[in-house]
Amino acid sequence: MKKGMTSIRNGVEDLLCPFEYVGISQPANGTYSHQGTMANDIGFKDIKNPYEPYYAPCHIKCIYVWKEYGQAMWQSINKVRFADGTINHITFVTIHDNSLTAVIGTEKKQGELMGHKGNKKATGVHAHIECAKGLYSVKDWKYNSYGNPCFPSEINIDEVFFFDETELSKNHIPSTYKIKYLKDVVLETSSNKEPLPLKVGDQVKIIKTGNGSSFGTSNTAYGIGWDRKILKIWEDRPYPYQVGNETGTTGFYRREALEKR
């Protein structure tokens, strides 16, 4: 992701990869210090400026810090969308940030500067990141049988983050990782499988044709693929959703013709 980048679909934040550049120097379950964990070490691109920034993947809150390691534990404020398509809270740690300023209670909104790759208590500059699905506390962060600290149940970054606007190293992404982008996860609907309700002001994408009249008595209204907003809702009419932008009305549409952004 890039600084300031956000993604919210159907009212749920997508977990964006925190890094502008990802080259993995030690993968999940690595043979050195990641055995039995889903931790990843994210290396740097620019040798002249290796302390690269990274950003909040969603709206998060710091729940613990270990300053001597440049380490912080973070939790999402709300449930978020994982790259595997599920919706839950995320708890994760970042380590080795020389410039760590977070304290317990620090909040970061999606896209805000969160920290920097570093070498605090490490031999080389990188960011160690380790993720778990659900709400965990510092009491759950324990040593495993290999002597490595981790959460009871962890998930690898390729199942956690969407990698839109992240540059991937050509030679340092394990072939077993299945990198995903926002387009790879179809938006969920409500539990009864009906499209989520719309209200005036909602942003929508037109996915089917409509009509030039809310009564359906005019010419076909097109605009498939366009992003617009709901201007007005005409109840009990065949094409109730009046859709357009600041320049005027694009057309009138049925609910199934609109995808909520």
C-alpha atoms as a PDB file:
ATOM      1  CA  MET A   1       0.000   0.000   0.000  1.00  0.00           C
ATOM      2  CA  LYS A   2       0.947   3.623  -0.336  1.00  0.00           C
ATOM      3  CA  LYS A   3       0.761   6.298   2.341  1.00  0.00           C
ATOM      4  CA  GLY A   4      -2.815   7.450   2.868  1.00  0.00           C
ATOM      5  CA  MET A   5      -4.317   4.528   0.971  1.00  0.00           C
ATOM      6  CA  THR A   6      -7.665   3.215   2.204  1.00  0.00           C
ATOM      7  CA  SER A   7     -10.148   0.561   1.133  1.00  0.00           C
ATOM      8  CA  ILE A   8     -13.598   0.132   2.655  1.00  0.00           C
ATOM      9  CA  ARG A   9     -16.177  -2.054   0.939  1.00  0.00           C
ATOM     10  CA  ASN A  10     -19.685  -2.670   2.228  1.00  0.00           C
ATOM     11  CA  GLY A  11     -18.687  -0.803   5.370  1.00  0.00           C
ATOM     12  CA  VAL A  12     -15.762  -3.147   6.143  1.00  0.00           C
ATOM     13  CA  GLU A  13     -12.093  -2.177   5.908  1.00  0.00           C
ATOM     14  CA  ASP A  14      -9.932  -4.377   3.701  1.00  0.00           C
ATOM     15  CA  LEU A  15      -6.600  -5.362   5.269  1.00  0.00           C
ATOM     16  CA  LEU A  16      -4.024  -3.647   3.055  1.00  0.00           C
ATOM     17  CA  CYS A  17      -0.408  -4.792   3.079  1.00  0.00           C
ATOM     18  CA  PRO A  18       1.383  -2.226   5.284  1.00  0.00           C
ATOM     19  CA  PHE A  19       4.505  -2.080   3.126  1.00  0.00           C
ATOM     20  CA  GLU A  20       5.311  -0.231  -0.083  1.00  0.00           C
ATOM     21  CA  TYR A  21       7.922  -2.879  -0.884  1.00  0.00           C
ATOM     22  CA  VAL A  22       7.944  -6.549   0.118  1.00  0.00           C
ATOM     23  CA  GLY A  23      10.969  -8.778  -0.209  1.00  0.00           C
ATOM     24  CA  ILE A  24      10.951 -11.602   2.326  1.00  0.00           C
ATOM     25  CA  SER A  25      14.308 -12.252   3.959  1.00  0.00           C
ATOM     26  CA  GLN A  26      12.915 -14.969   6.255  1.00  0.00           C
ATOM     27  CA  PRO A  27       9.528 -16.556   5.520  1.00  0.00           C
ATOM     28  CA  ALA A  28       6.906 -18.125   7.731  1.00  0.00           C
ATOM     29  CA  ASN A  29       8.161 -21.229   9.553  1.00  0.00           C
ATOM     30  CA  GLY A  30      11.719 -20.295   8.572  1.00  0.00           C
ATOM     31  CA  THR A  31      14.621 -22.354   9.794  1.00  0.00           C
ATOM     32  CA  TYR A  32      16.253 -19.582  11.845  1.00  0.00           C
ATOM     33  CA  SER A  33      13.925 -17.770  14.232  1.00  0.00           C
ATOM     34  CA  HIS A  34      10.481 -18.391  12.688  1.00  0.00           C
ATOM     35  CA  GLN A  35      10.089 -22.115  13.301  1.00  0.00           C
ATOM     36  CA  GLY A  36       6.544 -22.968  14.304  1.00  0.00           C
ATOM     37  CA  THR A  37       5.287 -19.443  13.524  1.00  0.00           C
ATOM     38  CA  MET A  38       3.726 -17.545  10.645  1.00  0.00           C
ATOM     39  CA  ALA A  39       6.161 -14.642  11.105  1.00  0.00           C
ATOM     40  CA  ASN A  40       7.722 -12.940   8.083  1.00  0.00           C
ATOM     41  CA  ASP A  41      10.755 -10.659   7.883  1.00  0.00           C
ATOM     42  CA  ILE A  42      10.169  -7.916   5.307  1.00  0.00           C
ATOM     43  CA  GLY A  43      13.386  -6.558   3.853  1.00  0.00           C
ATOM     44  CA  PHE A  44      14.115  -3.170   2.278  1.00  0.00           C
ATOM     45  CA  LYS A  45      14.599  -2.031  -1.325  1.00  0.00           C
ATOM     46  CA  ASP A  46      16.771   1.095  -1.085  1.00  0.00           C
ATOM     47  CA  ILE A  47      20.182   0.349   0.454  1.00  0.00           C
ATOM     48  CA  LYS A  48      20.795   4.099   0.802  1.00  0.00           C
ATOM     49  CA  ASN A  49      17.615   4.529   2.819  1.00  0.00           C
ATOM     50  CA  PRO A  50      16.709   1.123   4.280  1.00  0.00           C
ATOM     51  CA  TYR A  51      14.538   2.411   7.131  1.00  0.00           C
ATOM     52  CA  GLU A  52      11.455   2.381   4.931  1.00  0.00           C
ATOM     53  CA  PRO A  53       8.079   3.443   6.380  1.00  0.00           C
ATOM     54  CA  TYR A  54       5.053   1.230   6.704  1.00  0.00           C
ATOM     55  CA  TYR A  55       1.434   2.126   7.282  1.00  0.00           C
ATOM     56  CA  ALA A  56      -1.613   1.009   9.243  1.00  0.00           C
ATOM     57  CA  PRO A  57      -3.392  -1.759   7.296  1.00  0.00           C
ATOM     58  CA  CYS A  58      -6.693  -0.783   8.923  1.00  0.00           C
ATOM     59  CA  HIS A  59      -7.861   1.284  11.894  1.00  0.00           C
ATOM     60  CA  ILE A  60      -5.738  -0.146  14.716  1.00  0.00           C
ATOM     61  CA  LYS A  61      -4.916   0.358  18.378  1.00  0.00           C
ATOM     62  CA  CYS A  62      -1.671  -0.464  20.189  1.00  0.00           C
ATOM     63  CA  ILE A  63      -2.252  -2.862  23.084  1.00  0.00           C
ATOM     64  CA  TYR A  64       1.359  -3.446  24.190  1.00  0.00           C
ATOM     65  CA  VAL A  65       4.940  -2.334  23.519  1.00  0.00           C
ATOM     66  CA  TRP A  66       8.419  -3.731  24.127  1.00  0.00           C
ATOM     67  CA  LYS A  67      10.608  -0.691  23.529  1.00  0.00           C
ATOM     68  CA  GLU A  68      13.912  -2.566  23.828  1.00  0.00           C
ATOM     69  CA  TYR A  69      12.958  -4.594  20.737  1.00  0.00           C
ATOM     70  CA  GLY A  70      11.156  -1.823  18.860  1.00  0.00           C
ATOM     71  CA  GLN A  71       8.116  -4.061  19.131  1.00  0.00           C
ATOM     72  CA  ALA A  72       4.412  -3.308  19.371  1.00  0.00           C
ATOM     73  CA  MET A  73       1.258  -5.413  19.465  1.00  0.00           C
ATOM     74  CA  TRP A  74      -1.714  -4.052  17.534  1.00  0.00           C
ATOM     75  CA  GLN A  75      -5.396  -4.862  17.209  1.00  0.00           C
ATOM     76  CA  SER A  76      -8.058  -3.740  14.761  1.00  0.00           C
ATOM     77  CA  ILE A  77     -10.703  -1.456  16.242  1.00  0.00           C
ATOM     78  CA  ASN A  78     -13.410  -3.190  14.213  1.00  0.00           C
ATOM     79  CA  LYS A  79     -13.772  -6.418  12.307  1.00  0.00           C
ATOM     80  CA  VAL A  80     -11.943  -6.278   8.980  1.00  0.00           C
ATOM     81  CA  ARG A  81     -11.806  -8.211   5.722  1.00  0.00           C
ATOM     82  CA  PHE A  82      -8.905 -10.641   5.325  1.00  0.00           C
ATOM     83  CA  ALA A  83      -7.439 -11.625   1.983  1.00  0.00           C
ATOM     84  CA  ASP A  84      -8.909 -15.114   2.471  1.00  0.00           C
ATOM     85  CA  GLY A  85     -12.357 -13.487   2.336  1.00  0.00           C
ATOM     86  CA  THR A  86     -13.271 -13.847   5.992  1.00  0.00           C
ATOM     87  CA  ILE A  87     -14.256 -10.988   8.291  1.00  0.00           C
ATOM     88  CA  ASN A  88     -12.847 -10.856  11.820  1.00  0.00           C
ATOM     89  CA  HIS A  89     -10.592  -8.812  14.068  1.00  0.00           C
ATOM     90  CA  ILE A  90      -6.841  -8.967  13.558  1.00  0.00           C
ATOM     91  CA  THR A  91      -4.117  -8.953  16.199  1.00  0.00           C
ATOM     92  CA  PHE A  92      -0.516  -8.611  15.048  1.00  0.00           C
ATOM     93  CA  VAL A  93       2.967  -7.607  16.132  1.00  0.00           C
ATOM     94  CA  THR A  94       5.673  -5.559  14.441  1.00  0.00           C
ATOM     95  CA  ILE A  95       9.304  -5.699  15.622  1.00  0.00           C
ATOM     96  CA  HIS A  96      12.700  -3.956  15.180  1.00  0.00           C
ATOM     97  CA  ASP A  97      11.453  -0.370  14.686  1.00  0.00           C
ATOM     98  CA  ASN A  98      14.282   1.920  15.909  1.00  0.00           C
ATOM     99  CA  SER A  99      11.935   4.901  15.824  1.00  0.00           C
ATOM    100  CA  LEU A 100       9.016   3.311  17.680  1.00  0.00           C
ATOM    101  CA  THR A 101       6.815   5.997  19.247  1.00  0.00           C
ATOM    102  CA  ALA A 102       3.669   3.973  19.947  1.00  0.00           C
ATOM    103  CA  VAL A 103       2.433   3.562  23.503  1.00  0.00           C
ATOM    104  CA  ILE A 104      -0.454   1.511  24.795  1.00  0.00           C
ATOM    105  CA  GLY A 105      -3.623   3.139  23.502  1.00  0.00           C
ATOM    106  CA  THR A 106      -2.073   4.734  20.401  1.00  0.00           C
ATOM    107  CA  GLU A 107      -4.495   4.580  17.473  1.00  0.00           C
ATOM    108  CA  LYS A 108      -3.644   4.701  13.785  1.00  0.00           C
ATOM    109  CA  LYS A 109      -6.197   5.066  11.018  1.00  0.00           C
ATOM    110  CA  GLN A 110      -5.837   3.088   7.815  1.00  0.00           C
ATOM    111  CA  GLY A 111      -3.068   4.550   5.677  1.00  0.00           C
ATOM    112  CA  GLU A 112      -1.383   6.525   8.469  1.00  0.00           C
ATOM    113  CA  LEU A 113       2.319   6.142   9.207  1.00  0.00           C
ATOM    114  CA  MET A 114       2.728   3.279  11.636  1.00  0.00           C
ATOM    115  CA  GLY A 115       6.460   2.646  11.858  1.00  0.00           C
ATOM    116  CA  HIS A 116       9.711   1.968  10.011  1.00  0.00           C
ATOM    117  CA  LYS A 117      11.753  -1.064   9.087  1.00  0.00           C
ATOM    118  CA  GLY A 118      14.702  -1.192  11.466  1.00  0.00           C
ATOM    119  CA  ASN A 119      17.416  -3.226  13.127  1.00  0.00           C
ATOM    120  CA  LYS A 120      16.685  -2.803  16.812  1.00  0.00           C
ATOM    121  CA  LYS A 121      17.802  -6.109  18.401  1.00  0.00           C
ATOM    122  CA  ALA A 122      18.397  -7.444  14.877  1.00  0.00           C
ATOM    123  CA  THR A 123      21.448  -7.959  12.647  1.00  0.00           C
ATOM    124  CA  GLY A 124      19.896  -6.432   9.527  1.00  0.00           C
ATOM    125  CA  VAL A 125      17.241  -3.848   8.695  1.00  0.00           C
ATOM    126  CA  HIS A 126      13.784  -5.368   8.229  1.00  0.00           C
ATOM    127  CA  ALA A 127      10.291  -5.451   9.707  1.00  0.00           C
ATOM    128  CA  HIS A 128       9.176  -8.597  11.486  1.00  0.00           C
ATOM    129  CA  ILE A 129       5.388  -9.014  11.237  1.00  0.00           C
ATOM    130  CA  GLU A 130       3.267 -11.779  12.730  1.00  0.00           C
ATOM    131  CA  CYS A 131      -0.523 -11.999  12.487  1.00  0.00           C
ATOM    132  CA  ALA A 132      -3.416 -13.820  14.129  1.00  0.00           C
ATOM    133  CA  LYS A 133      -7.096 -13.790  13.256  1.00  0.00           C
ATOM    134  CA  GLY A 134      -9.227 -12.737  16.215  1.00  0.00           C
ATOM    135  CA  LEU A 135      -8.720 -10.826  19.445  1.00  0.00           C
ATOM    136  CA  TYR A 136      -5.667 -11.791  21.490  1.00  0.00           C
ATOM    137  CA  SER A 137      -3.872 -10.162  24.402  1.00  0.00           C
ATOM    138  CA  VAL A 138      -0.226  -9.998  25.433  1.00  0.00           C
ATOM    139  CA  LYS A 139      -0.914 -12.998  27.702  1.00  0.00           C
ATOM    140  CA  ASP A 140      -1.474 -15.084  24.554  1.00  0.00           C
ATOM    141  CA  TRP A 141       1.980 -14.207  23.167  1.00  0.00           C
ATOM    142  CA  LYS A 142       4.009 -17.201  24.355  1.00  0.00           C
ATOM    143  CA  TYR A 143       7.059 -19.238  23.414  1.00  0.00           C
ATOM    144  CA  ASN A 144       6.432 -22.315  21.305  1.00  0.00           C
ATOM    145  CA  SER A 145       8.328 -25.610  21.410  1.00  0.00           C
ATOM    146  CA  TYR A 146      11.102 -24.092  19.245  1.00  0.00           C
ATOM    147  CA  GLY A 147      11.595 -21.233  21.679  1.00  0.00           C
ATOM    148  CA  ASN A 148       9.995 -18.638  19.399  1.00  0.00           C
ATOM    149  CA  PRO A 149       7.240 -16.292  20.670  1.00  0.00           C
ATOM    150  CA  CYS A 150       3.947 -16.444  18.795  1.00  0.00           C
ATOM    151  CA  PHE A 151       0.158 -16.412  19.069  1.00  0.00           C
ATOM    152  CA  PRO A 152      -1.705 -19.703  19.702  1.00  0.00           C
ATOM    153  CA  SER A 153      -3.101 -19.662  16.138  1.00  0.00           C
ATOM    154  CA  GLU A 154      -1.472 -17.642  13.388  1.00  0.00           C
ATOM    155  CA  ILE A 155      -2.183 -16.913   9.736  1.00  0.00           C
ATOM    156  CA  ASN A 156       0.348 -16.152   6.997  1.00  0.00           C
ATOM    157  CA  ILE A 157       0.488 -12.735   5.355  1.00  0.00           C
ATOM    158  CA  ASP A 158      -0.769 -14.024   1.984  1.00  0.00           C
ATOM    159  CA  GLU A 159      -4.050 -14.938   3.702  1.00  0.00           C
ATOM    160  CA  VAL A 160      -4.150 -11.673   5.646  1.00  0.00           C
ATOM    161  CA  PHE A 161      -3.297  -8.761   3.354  1.00  0.00           C
ATOM    162  CA  PHE A 162      -4.319  -7.421  -0.029  1.00  0.00           C
ATOM    163  CA  PHE A 163      -1.158  -6.400  -1.894  1.00  0.00           C
ATOM    164  CA  ASP A 164      -2.561  -3.595  -4.058  1.00  0.00           C
ATOM    165  CA  GLU A 165       0.022  -0.821  -4.650  1.00  0.00           C
ATOM    166  CA  THR A 166       2.768  -2.916  -3.002  1.00  0.00           C
ATOM    167  CA  GLU A 167       5.894  -3.640  -5.032  1.00  0.00           C
ATOM    168  CA  LEU A 168       6.893  -7.298  -4.770  1.00  0.00           C
ATOM    169  CA  SER A 169      10.472  -8.477  -5.044  1.00  0.00           C
ATOM    170  CA  LYS A 170      10.924 -10.703  -8.092  1.00  0.00           C
ATOM    171  CA  ASN A 171      13.245 -13.076  -6.264  1.00  0.00           C
ATOM    172  CA  HIS A 172      12.199 -12.956  -2.627  1.00  0.00           C
ATOM    173  CA  ILE A 173       8.578 -14.107  -2.475  1.00  0.00           C
ATOM    174  CA  PRO A 174       8.205 -17.849  -1.748  1.00  0.00           C
ATOM    175  CA  SER A 175       6.473 -19.711  -4.581  1.00  0.00           C
ATOM    176  CA  THR A 176       4.023 -21.189  -2.071  1.00  0.00           C
ATOM    177  CA  TYR A 177       2.636 -17.760  -1.208  1.00  0.00           C
ATOM    178  CA  LYS A 178      -0.631 -16.964  -2.987  1.00  0.00           C
ATOM    179  CA  ILE A 179      -0.608 -13.184  -3.211  1.00  0.00           C
ATOM    180  CA  LYS A 180      -4.080 -11.648  -3.454  1.00  0.00           C
ATOM    181  CA  TYR A 181      -5.474  -8.315  -4.569  1.00  0.00           C
ATOM    182  CA  LEU A 182      -8.782  -6.580  -3.853  1.00  0.00           C
ATOM    183  CA  LYS A 183     -10.269  -7.840  -7.108  1.00  0.00           C
ATOM    184  CA  ASP A 184      -9.705 -11.433  -5.986  1.00  0.00           C
ATOM    185  CA  VAL A 185     -12.315 -11.279  -3.224  1.00  0.00           C
ATOM    186  CA  VAL A 186     -15.937 -10.828  -4.237  1.00  0.00           C
ATOM    187  CA  LEU A 187     -17.914  -8.585  -1.900  1.00  0.00           C
ATOM    188  CA  GLU A 188     -20.074 -10.374   0.586  1.00  0.00           C
ATOM    189  CA  THR A 189     -23.835  -9.890   0.816  1.00  0.00           C
ATOM    190  CA  SER A 190     -26.127  -9.949   3.835  1.00  0.00           C
ATOM    191  CA  SER A 191     -26.982 -13.254   5.466  1.00  0.00           C
ATOM    192  CA  ASN A 192     -30.178 -13.735   3.450  1.00  0.00           C
ATOM    193  CA  LYS A 193     -28.130 -13.447   0.243  1.00  0.00           C
ATOM    194  CA  GLU A 194     -29.973 -10.294  -0.791  1.00  0.00           C
ATOM    195  CA  PRO A 195     -27.866  -7.252  -1.756  1.00  0.00           C
ATOM    196  CA  LEU A 196     -27.101  -4.955   1.143  1.00  0.00           C
ATOM    197  CA  PRO A 197     -29.534  -2.031   1.459  1.00  0.00           C
ATOM    198  CA  LEU A 198     -28.750   1.360  -0.059  1.00  0.00           C
ATOM    199  CA  LYS A 199     -29.495   4.858   1.170  1.00  0.00           C
ATOM    200  CA  VAL A 200     -29.206   8.348  -0.268  1.00  0.00           C
ATOM    201  CA  GLY A 201     -25.563   9.379  -0.489  1.00  0.00           C
ATOM    202  CA  ASP A 202     -24.152   5.861  -0.803  1.00  0.00           C
ATOM    203  CA  GLN A 203     -21.397   5.352  -3.364  1.00  0.00           C
ATOM    204  CA  VAL A 204     -22.224   2.659  -5.918  1.00  0.00           C
ATOM    205  CA  LYS A 205     -20.885   1.044  -9.062  1.00  0.00           C
ATOM    206  CA  ILE A 206     -23.346   0.502 -11.913  1.00  0.00           C
ATOM    207  CA  ILE A 207     -23.208  -3.158 -12.973  1.00  0.00           C
ATOM    208  CA  LYS A 208     -26.407  -3.467 -15.060  1.00  0.00           C
ATOM    209  CA  THR A 209     -28.520  -1.184 -17.233  1.00  0.00           C
ATOM    210  CA  GLY A 210     -31.349   0.929 -15.876  1.00  0.00           C
ATOM    211  CA  ASN A 211     -33.948   3.278 -17.293  1.00  0.00           C
ATOM    212  CA  GLY A 212     -34.337   6.983 -17.952  1.00  0.00           C
ATOM    213  CA  SER A 213     -37.421   7.044 -15.723  1.00  0.00           C
ATOM    214  CA  SER A 214     -38.151   5.607 -12.298  1.00  0.00           C
ATOM    215  CA  PHE A 215     -41.346   4.206 -13.832  1.00  0.00           C
ATOM    216  CA  GLY A 216     -39.382   2.324 -16.496  1.00  0.00           C
ATOM    217  CA  THR A 217     -41.169   4.121 -19.319  1.00  0.00           C
ATOM    218  CA  SER A 218     -38.138   5.809 -20.928  1.00  0.00           C
ATOM    219  CA  ASN A 219     -35.012   4.702 -22.799  1.00  0.00           C
ATOM    220  CA  THR A 220     -32.379   2.383 -21.396  1.00  0.00           C
ATOM    221  CA  ALA A 221     -29.892   4.012 -19.026  1.00  0.00           C
ATOM    222  CA  TYR A 222     -26.353   2.685 -19.329  1.00  0.00           C
ATOM    223  CA  GLY A 223     -23.212   3.600 -17.370  1.00  0.00           C
ATOM    224  CA  ILE A 224     -22.019   0.071 -16.577  1.00  0.00           C
ATOM    225  CA  GLY A 225     -18.730   0.287 -14.729  1.00  0.00           C
ATOM    226  CA  TRP A 226     -19.224   3.891 -13.630  1.00  0.00           C
ATOM    227  CA  ASP A 227     -18.941   4.989  -9.996  1.00  0.00           C
ATOM    228  CA  ARG A 228     -21.843   7.164  -8.913  1.00  0.00           C
ATOM    229  CA  LYS A 229     -23.921   7.886  -5.813  1.00  0.00           C
ATOM    230  CA  ILE A 230     -27.555   7.528  -4.808  1.00  0.00           C
ATOM    231  CA  LEU A 231     -29.265  10.884  -5.333  1.00  0.00           C
ATOM    232  CA  LYS A 232     -32.816   9.898  -4.399  1.00  0.00           C
ATOM    233  CA  ILE A 233     -34.901   6.780  -3.772  1.00  0.00           C
ATOM    234  CA  TRP A 234     -38.372   6.583  -5.336  1.00  0.00           C
ATOM    235  CA  GLU A 235     -40.207   4.031  -3.237  1.00  0.00           C
ATOM    236  CA  ASP A 236     -42.577   1.515  -4.872  1.00  0.00           C
ATOM    237  CA  ARG A 237     -41.396   2.261  -8.422  1.00  0.00           C
ATOM    238  CA  PRO A 238     -39.859  -0.271 -10.823  1.00  0.00           C
ATOM    239  CA  TYR A 239     -36.516   1.613 -10.960  1.00  0.00           C
ATOM    240  CA  PRO A 240     -36.364   3.273  -7.529  1.00  0.00           C
ATOM    241  CA  TYR A 241     -32.697   4.310  -7.314  1.00  0.00           C
ATOM    242  CA  GLN A 242     -31.897   7.660  -8.914  1.00  0.00           C
ATOM    243  CA  VAL A 243     -28.136   7.581  -9.514  1.00  0.00           C
ATOM    244  CA  GLY A 244     -25.742  10.293 -10.627  1.00  0.00           C
ATOM    245  CA  ASN A 245     -23.099  12.805  -9.612  1.00  0.00           C
ATOM    246  CA  GLU A 246     -22.572  16.552  -9.371  1.00  0.00           C
ATOM    247  CA  THR A 247     -23.262  16.959 -13.094  1.00  0.00           C
ATOM    248  CA  GLY A 248     -26.708  15.387 -12.909  1.00  0.00           C
ATOM    249  CA  THR A 249     -28.647  12.128 -13.076  1.00  0.00           C
ATOM    250  CA  THR A 250     -27.155   9.146 -14.868  1.00  0.00           C
ATOM    251  CA  GLY A 251     -30.327   7.061 -14.692  1.00  0.00           C
ATOM    252  CA  PHE A 252     -32.748   5.078 -12.568  1.00  0.00           C
ATOM    253  CA  TYR A 253     -31.851   1.527 -11.520  1.00  0.00           C
ATOM    254  CA  ARG A 254     -33.073  -1.560  -9.743  1.00  0.00           C
ATOM    255  CA  ARG A 255     -31.136  -2.699  -6.664  1.00  0.00           C
ATOM    256  CA  GLU A 256     -29.467  -5.604  -8.456  1.00  0.00           C
ATOM    257  CA  ALA A 257     -27.961  -3.159 -10.972  1.00  0.00           C
ATOM    258  CA  LEU A 258     -25.911  -1.410  -8.283  1.00  0.00           C
ATOM    259  CA  GLU A 259     -22.899  -2.590  -6.313  1.00  0.00           C
ATOM    260  CA  LYS A 260     -22.321  -0.828  -3.025  1.00  0.00           C
ATOM    261  CA  ARG A 261     -18.808   0.621  -2.633  1.00  0.00           C
END
